[in-house]
């Protein structure tokens, strides 16, 4: 079970740095403050974001902001080895050795300018991962107070079980949205509930606003009527749909739009009608339930 209390919606910082928005340090400071003011106190990182640069940019902004570390929770991940000038790799691959996991966690601590990471995840499974090594690394990091909780990302249930046999797994980061709903039909969320694992949903808006397909057109048509009913934006309704699931999924929202950040917690407050929830799932499926 988790020892960390994350906010009901998490701020994803993947696009804050050079990969997209390229926020200045001052802009990052303001964004951190804005999130906290709106009760979004958890921030989702990965060592790879910004080609291994965004953690350090965020860490400087957090340090300069003088915001108390106790006011927020930091999530970060390791395991993916990218081909970039910041790493001496020839092939993109996964690295899950004990030495690498410990080194990566300590690098993240330095970059984020913090003494501990609230939630530390292995971002992707590797066919070559050895559960004993992973467990030894995790237990050492926990014993030294460098990480509080441990989790995984994008693992199958059997892969999670392999790791869980050796060390506690408290979180599982998966792609989940109205357009990517497989975790609730393939047993992922069932398994999580059985073992007290909290799912984190990346890309929680799915493809609704990024693709033009029969699926997204159906959803947009339905959402336009629900917007009138609930007086909330489509993005907020899609988050509320996620939050209604009994697995207690926490969506990771990547927006840096001020108005959207200010409205994110409205999704937490909304109790979506059950028939509306099923209507969204039905339109995504493109067929009625049996």
Protein backbone atom coordinates (compact mmCIF):
# COMPACT_ATOMS: atom_id res chain seq x y z
CA UNK A 1 0.00 0.00 0.00
CA UNK A 2 1.13 3.53 -0.75
CA UNK A 3 2.55 5.78 1.95
CA UNK A 4 2.20 8.82 -0.30
CA UNK A 5 -0.96 10.92 -0.56
CA UNK A 6 -1.09 12.23 -4.13
CA UNK A 7 -3.47 14.92 -5.32
CA UNK A 8 -6.64 13.66 -7.10
CA UNK A 9 -5.27 15.03 -10.38
CA UNK A 10 -1.55 15.05 -11.16
CA UNK A 11 0.28 17.68 -13.20
CA UNK A 12 2.31 16.06 -15.98
CA UNK A 13 5.45 18.05 -16.81
CA UNK A 14 6.47 16.13 -19.93
CA UNK A 15 5.81 19.12 -22.19
CA UNK A 16 7.09 21.87 -19.89
CA UNK A 17 10.65 21.77 -21.22
CA UNK A 18 12.42 21.64 -24.56
CA UNK A 19 10.19 18.89 -25.94
CA UNK A 20 7.32 21.34 -26.33
CA UNK A 21 6.50 24.52 -24.38
CA UNK A 22 10.10 25.37 -23.47
CA UNK A 23 8.99 27.27 -20.38
CA UNK A 24 11.48 29.63 -18.79
CA UNK A 25 12.50 29.04 -15.19
CA UNK A 26 10.19 31.86 -14.07
CA UNK A 27 7.33 30.41 -16.07
CA UNK A 28 7.90 27.04 -14.44
CA UNK A 29 7.86 28.71 -11.02
CA UNK A 30 4.52 30.31 -11.85
CA UNK A 31 3.14 27.02 -13.17
CA UNK A 32 4.14 25.13 -10.01
CA UNK A 33 2.55 27.82 -7.87
CA UNK A 34 -0.62 27.86 -9.99
CA UNK A 35 -1.01 24.09 -9.70
CA UNK A 36 -0.57 24.14 -5.93
CA UNK A 37 -3.05 27.01 -5.57
CA UNK A 38 -5.54 24.82 -7.42
CA UNK A 39 -4.92 21.79 -5.17
CA UNK A 40 -2.81 19.97 -7.75
CA UNK A 41 0.19 19.17 -5.61
CA UNK A 42 1.65 16.13 -7.39
CA UNK A 43 4.02 16.47 -10.38
CA UNK A 44 4.79 13.65 -12.79
CA UNK A 45 8.32 13.48 -14.22
CA UNK A 46 10.54 11.05 -16.06
CA UNK A 47 14.31 11.19 -16.37
CA UNK A 48 13.95 11.14 -20.19
CA UNK A 49 11.73 14.24 -20.48
CA UNK A 50 13.39 16.95 -22.50
CA UNK A 51 16.14 14.50 -23.48
CA UNK A 52 17.12 14.20 -19.80
CA UNK A 53 16.88 17.98 -19.11
CA UNK A 54 13.37 18.76 -17.78
CA UNK A 55 13.96 17.39 -14.27
CA UNK A 56 16.84 19.82 -13.78
CA UNK A 57 14.85 22.74 -15.18
CA UNK A 58 11.96 21.95 -12.85
CA UNK A 59 14.31 21.47 -9.90
CA UNK A 60 15.85 24.91 -10.39
CA UNK A 61 12.40 26.50 -10.67
CA UNK A 62 11.20 24.73 -7.53
CA UNK A 63 14.32 25.76 -5.63
CA UNK A 64 14.04 29.38 -6.74
CA UNK A 65 10.34 29.51 -5.93
CA UNK A 66 11.03 28.87 -2.22
CA UNK A 67 7.92 26.67 -2.13
CA UNK A 68 8.15 24.23 0.76
CA UNK A 69 9.02 20.72 -0.43
CA UNK A 70 6.38 19.34 1.93
CA UNK A 71 3.65 21.09 -0.07
CA UNK A 72 4.11 18.88 -3.12
CA UNK A 73 4.79 15.33 -4.23
CA UNK A 74 7.31 14.40 -6.91
CA UNK A 75 6.91 11.37 -9.16
CA UNK A 76 9.66 10.32 -11.54
CA UNK A 77 10.60 7.31 -13.64
CA UNK A 78 13.61 5.53 -15.05
CA UNK A 79 14.41 2.58 -17.28
CA UNK A 80 14.34 3.96 -20.82
CA UNK A 81 17.75 4.58 -22.40
CA UNK A 82 17.33 7.05 -25.24
CA UNK A 83 19.66 7.78 -28.13
CA UNK A 84 20.55 11.41 -27.46
CA UNK A 85 23.61 13.59 -27.04
CA UNK A 86 22.96 13.44 -23.29
CA UNK A 87 23.50 9.66 -23.18
CA UNK A 88 26.11 7.47 -24.83
CA UNK A 89 23.61 5.02 -26.35
CA UNK A 90 23.62 3.57 -29.86
CA UNK A 91 20.25 1.81 -29.59
CA UNK A 92 17.16 2.79 -27.65
CA UNK A 93 16.74 0.16 -24.96
CA UNK A 94 15.68 -0.55 -21.39
CA UNK A 95 18.02 -0.74 -18.41
CA UNK A 96 16.80 -2.26 -15.14
CA UNK A 97 20.00 -3.32 -13.39
CA UNK A 98 20.37 -2.64 -9.68
CA UNK A 99 23.25 -0.25 -10.28
CA UNK A 100 21.40 1.70 -12.94
CA UNK A 101 18.17 2.05 -10.95
CA UNK A 102 20.07 3.39 -7.93
CA UNK A 103 22.19 5.70 -10.09
CA UNK A 104 19.14 7.01 -11.93
CA UNK A 105 17.24 7.72 -8.71
CA UNK A 106 20.22 9.59 -7.31
CA UNK A 107 20.56 11.59 -10.54
CA UNK A 108 16.89 12.54 -10.33
CA UNK A 109 17.36 13.63 -6.71
CA UNK A 110 20.20 15.93 -7.75
CA UNK A 111 18.32 17.38 -10.72
CA UNK A 112 15.09 17.91 -8.80
CA UNK A 113 17.06 19.41 -5.90
CA UNK A 114 15.28 17.27 -3.34
CA UNK A 115 16.21 14.74 -0.67
CA UNK A 116 13.53 12.23 -1.58
CA UNK A 117 11.22 11.13 -4.40
CA UNK A 118 7.65 10.40 -3.36
CA UNK A 119 6.93 7.87 -6.12
CA UNK A 120 9.64 6.21 -8.21
CA UNK A 121 8.57 4.16 -11.22
CA UNK A 122 10.12 1.81 -13.75
CA UNK A 123 8.72 3.37 -16.91
CA UNK A 124 8.60 0.30 -19.18
CA UNK A 125 9.13 -3.44 -18.68
CA UNK A 126 12.18 -5.14 -20.12
CA UNK A 127 12.38 -8.76 -21.29
CA UNK A 128 15.79 -8.86 -19.57
CA UNK A 129 14.69 -7.41 -16.21
CA UNK A 130 15.53 -9.46 -13.15
CA UNK A 131 13.05 -9.08 -10.32
CA UNK A 132 15.61 -9.79 -7.59
CA UNK A 133 17.89 -6.99 -8.81
CA UNK A 134 15.03 -4.55 -9.08
CA UNK A 135 13.85 -5.41 -5.57
CA UNK A 136 17.34 -4.99 -4.12
CA UNK A 137 17.62 -1.53 -5.69
CA UNK A 138 14.18 -0.47 -4.48
CA UNK A 139 14.73 -1.69 -0.94
CA UNK A 140 18.09 0.07 -0.73
CA UNK A 141 16.61 3.34 -1.97
CA UNK A 142 13.72 3.04 0.49
CA UNK A 143 15.98 2.19 3.41
CA UNK A 144 18.12 5.25 2.67
CA UNK A 145 15.00 7.44 2.48
CA UNK A 146 15.63 8.37 -1.15
CA UNK A 147 12.28 7.08 -2.38
CA UNK A 148 9.02 6.63 -0.47
CA UNK A 149 6.89 4.52 -2.81
CA UNK A 150 7.71 2.36 -5.80
CA UNK A 151 5.73 1.47 -8.89
CA UNK A 152 5.86 0.47 -12.53
CA UNK A 153 4.60 1.74 -15.86
CA UNK A 154 2.98 -0.03 -18.81
CA UNK A 155 3.54 -3.53 -17.39
CA UNK A 156 1.32 -6.55 -17.98
CA UNK A 157 -0.34 -8.07 -14.93
CA UNK A 158 2.10 -11.00 -14.98
CA UNK A 159 5.04 -8.59 -15.13
CA UNK A 160 3.68 -6.61 -12.18
CA UNK A 161 3.21 -9.87 -10.27
CA UNK A 162 6.79 -10.88 -11.02
CA UNK A 163 8.06 -7.68 -9.39
CA UNK A 164 5.45 -7.69 -6.63
CA UNK A 165 6.64 -11.11 -5.47
CA UNK A 166 9.93 -9.44 -4.54
CA UNK A 167 9.00 -5.89 -3.44
CA UNK A 168 5.91 -3.75 -2.89
CA UNK A 169 4.36 -2.18 -5.98
CA UNK A 170 2.14 0.76 -5.00
CA UNK A 171 1.47 2.45 -8.36
CA UNK A 172 1.01 1.46 -11.99
CA UNK A 173 1.18 4.11 -14.72
CA UNK A 174 -0.90 3.09 -17.74
CA UNK A 175 -2.45 4.69 -20.79
CA UNK A 176 -6.13 5.11 -19.98
CA UNK A 177 -8.86 7.32 -21.38
CA UNK A 178 -12.28 7.18 -22.99
CA UNK A 179 -10.56 6.22 -26.26
CA UNK A 180 -7.98 3.86 -24.69
CA UNK A 181 -10.08 1.98 -22.15
CA UNK A 182 -8.36 -1.44 -22.32
CA UNK A 183 -7.00 -1.36 -18.74
CA UNK A 184 -10.55 -1.68 -17.44
CA UNK A 185 -11.38 -4.59 -19.78
CA UNK A 186 -8.12 -6.57 -19.89
CA UNK A 187 -7.84 -7.17 -16.15
CA UNK A 188 -5.29 -4.43 -15.37
CA UNK A 189 -7.61 -2.49 -13.05
CA UNK A 190 -9.04 -5.68 -11.54
CA UNK A 191 -5.53 -6.80 -10.63
CA UNK A 192 -4.71 -3.33 -9.24
CA UNK A 193 -7.76 -3.37 -6.97
CA UNK A 194 -6.99 -6.86 -5.72
CA UNK A 195 -3.46 -5.89 -4.71
CA UNK A 196 -3.99 -2.30 -3.56
CA UNK A 197 -2.10 -0.77 -6.50
CA UNK A 198 -3.14 2.75 -7.51
CA UNK A 199 -3.33 3.33 -11.29
CA UNK A 200 -1.98 6.56 -12.78
CA UNK A 201 -3.53 7.42 -16.15
CA UNK A 202 -1.26 9.01 -18.73
CA UNK A 203 -2.79 10.66 -21.82
CA UNK A 204 -6.16 10.86 -20.01
CA UNK A 205 -7.89 12.77 -22.82
CA UNK A 206 -6.91 10.09 -25.32
CA UNK A 207 -7.31 10.97 -28.98
CA UNK A 208 -10.56 12.94 -28.64
CA UNK A 209 -8.95 16.29 -29.49
CA UNK A 210 -6.01 14.97 -31.52
CA UNK A 211 -7.57 12.72 -34.14
CA UNK A 212 -10.51 12.90 -36.49
CA UNK A 213 -12.03 9.43 -36.62
CA UNK A 214 -15.48 7.88 -36.36
CA UNK A 215 -14.74 7.19 -32.70
CA UNK A 216 -13.74 10.77 -31.86
CA UNK A 217 -16.60 12.24 -33.88
CA UNK A 218 -19.09 10.13 -31.94
CA UNK A 219 -17.55 11.18 -28.64
CA UNK A 220 -17.45 14.87 -29.53
CA UNK A 221 -21.12 14.79 -30.50
CA UNK A 222 -22.07 13.22 -27.16
CA UNK A 223 -19.76 15.50 -25.19
CA UNK A 224 -21.37 18.58 -26.75
CA UNK A 225 -24.67 17.58 -25.10
CA UNK A 226 -23.00 16.72 -21.78
CA UNK A 227 -21.23 20.08 -21.73
CA UNK A 228 -24.65 21.74 -21.73
CA UNK A 229 -25.93 19.40 -19.02
CA UNK A 230 -23.01 19.75 -16.61
CA UNK A 231 -21.80 23.24 -17.59
CA UNK A 232 -18.24 21.97 -17.74
CA UNK A 233 -15.72 21.61 -20.59
CA UNK A 234 -15.31 18.38 -22.54
CA UNK A 235 -11.81 17.86 -21.11
CA UNK A 236 -13.14 18.13 -17.56
CA UNK A 237 -15.89 15.61 -18.34
CA UNK A 238 -13.36 13.15 -19.75
CA UNK A 239 -11.35 13.36 -16.53
CA UNK A 240 -14.53 12.89 -14.47
CA UNK A 241 -15.22 9.74 -16.52
CA UNK A 242 -11.82 8.37 -15.48
CA UNK A 243 -12.26 9.35 -11.85
CA UNK A 244 -15.53 7.43 -11.54
CA UNK A 245 -13.83 4.07 -11.99
CA UNK A 246 -13.60 2.10 -8.69
CA UNK A 247 -9.88 1.43 -9.19
CA UNK A 248 -9.40 5.05 -8.01
CA UNK A 249 -7.41 6.05 -11.07
CA UNK A 250 -5.46 9.31 -10.85
CA UNK A 251 -5.29 11.17 -14.19
CA UNK A 252 -2.04 12.87 -15.19
CA UNK A 253 -2.99 16.12 -16.92
CA UNK A 254 -0.32 17.67 -19.11
CA UNK A 255 -1.92 21.05 -19.77
CA UNK A 256 -0.14 24.35 -19.12
CA UNK A 257 -3.26 26.35 -20.00
CA UNK A 258 -4.13 28.50 -16.98
CA UNK A 259 -7.91 28.24 -17.38
CA UNK A 260 -7.74 24.47 -17.79
CA UNK A 261 -5.55 24.06 -14.73
CA UNK A 262 -8.04 26.13 -12.75
CA UNK A 263 -10.87 23.83 -13.88
CA UNK A 264 -9.16 20.46 -13.39
CA UNK A 265 -10.38 19.94 -9.84
CA UNK A 266 -13.99 20.42 -11.00
CA UNK A 267 -13.66 16.94 -12.45
CA UNK A 268 -12.99 15.63 -8.94
CA UNK A 269 -16.06 17.40 -7.57
CA UNK A 270 -18.39 16.13 -10.32
CA UNK A 271 -20.41 12.97 -9.74
CA UNK A 272 -21.19 11.94 -13.30
CA UNK A 273 -24.51 10.14 -13.80
CA UNK A 274 -24.00 6.43 -14.39
CA UNK A 275 -25.90 6.46 -17.68
CA UNK A 276 -23.72 9.31 -18.96
CA UNK A 277 -20.63 7.33 -17.98
CA UNK A 278 -21.88 4.34 -19.95
CA UNK A 279 -22.91 6.59 -22.85
CA UNK A 280 -19.30 7.78 -23.19
CA UNK A 281 -18.02 4.21 -23.15
CA UNK A 282 -20.68 3.15 -25.67
CA UNK A 283 -19.79 5.93 -28.11
CA UNK A 284 -16.11 5.06 -27.78
CA UNK A 285 -16.85 1.36 -28.49
CA UNK A 286 -19.14 2.21 -31.39
CA UNK A 287 -21.66 -0.38 -30.28
CA UNK A 288 -24.11 -0.93 -27.48
CA UNK A 289 -23.24 -3.18 -24.58
CA UNK A 290 -24.64 -6.70 -24.73
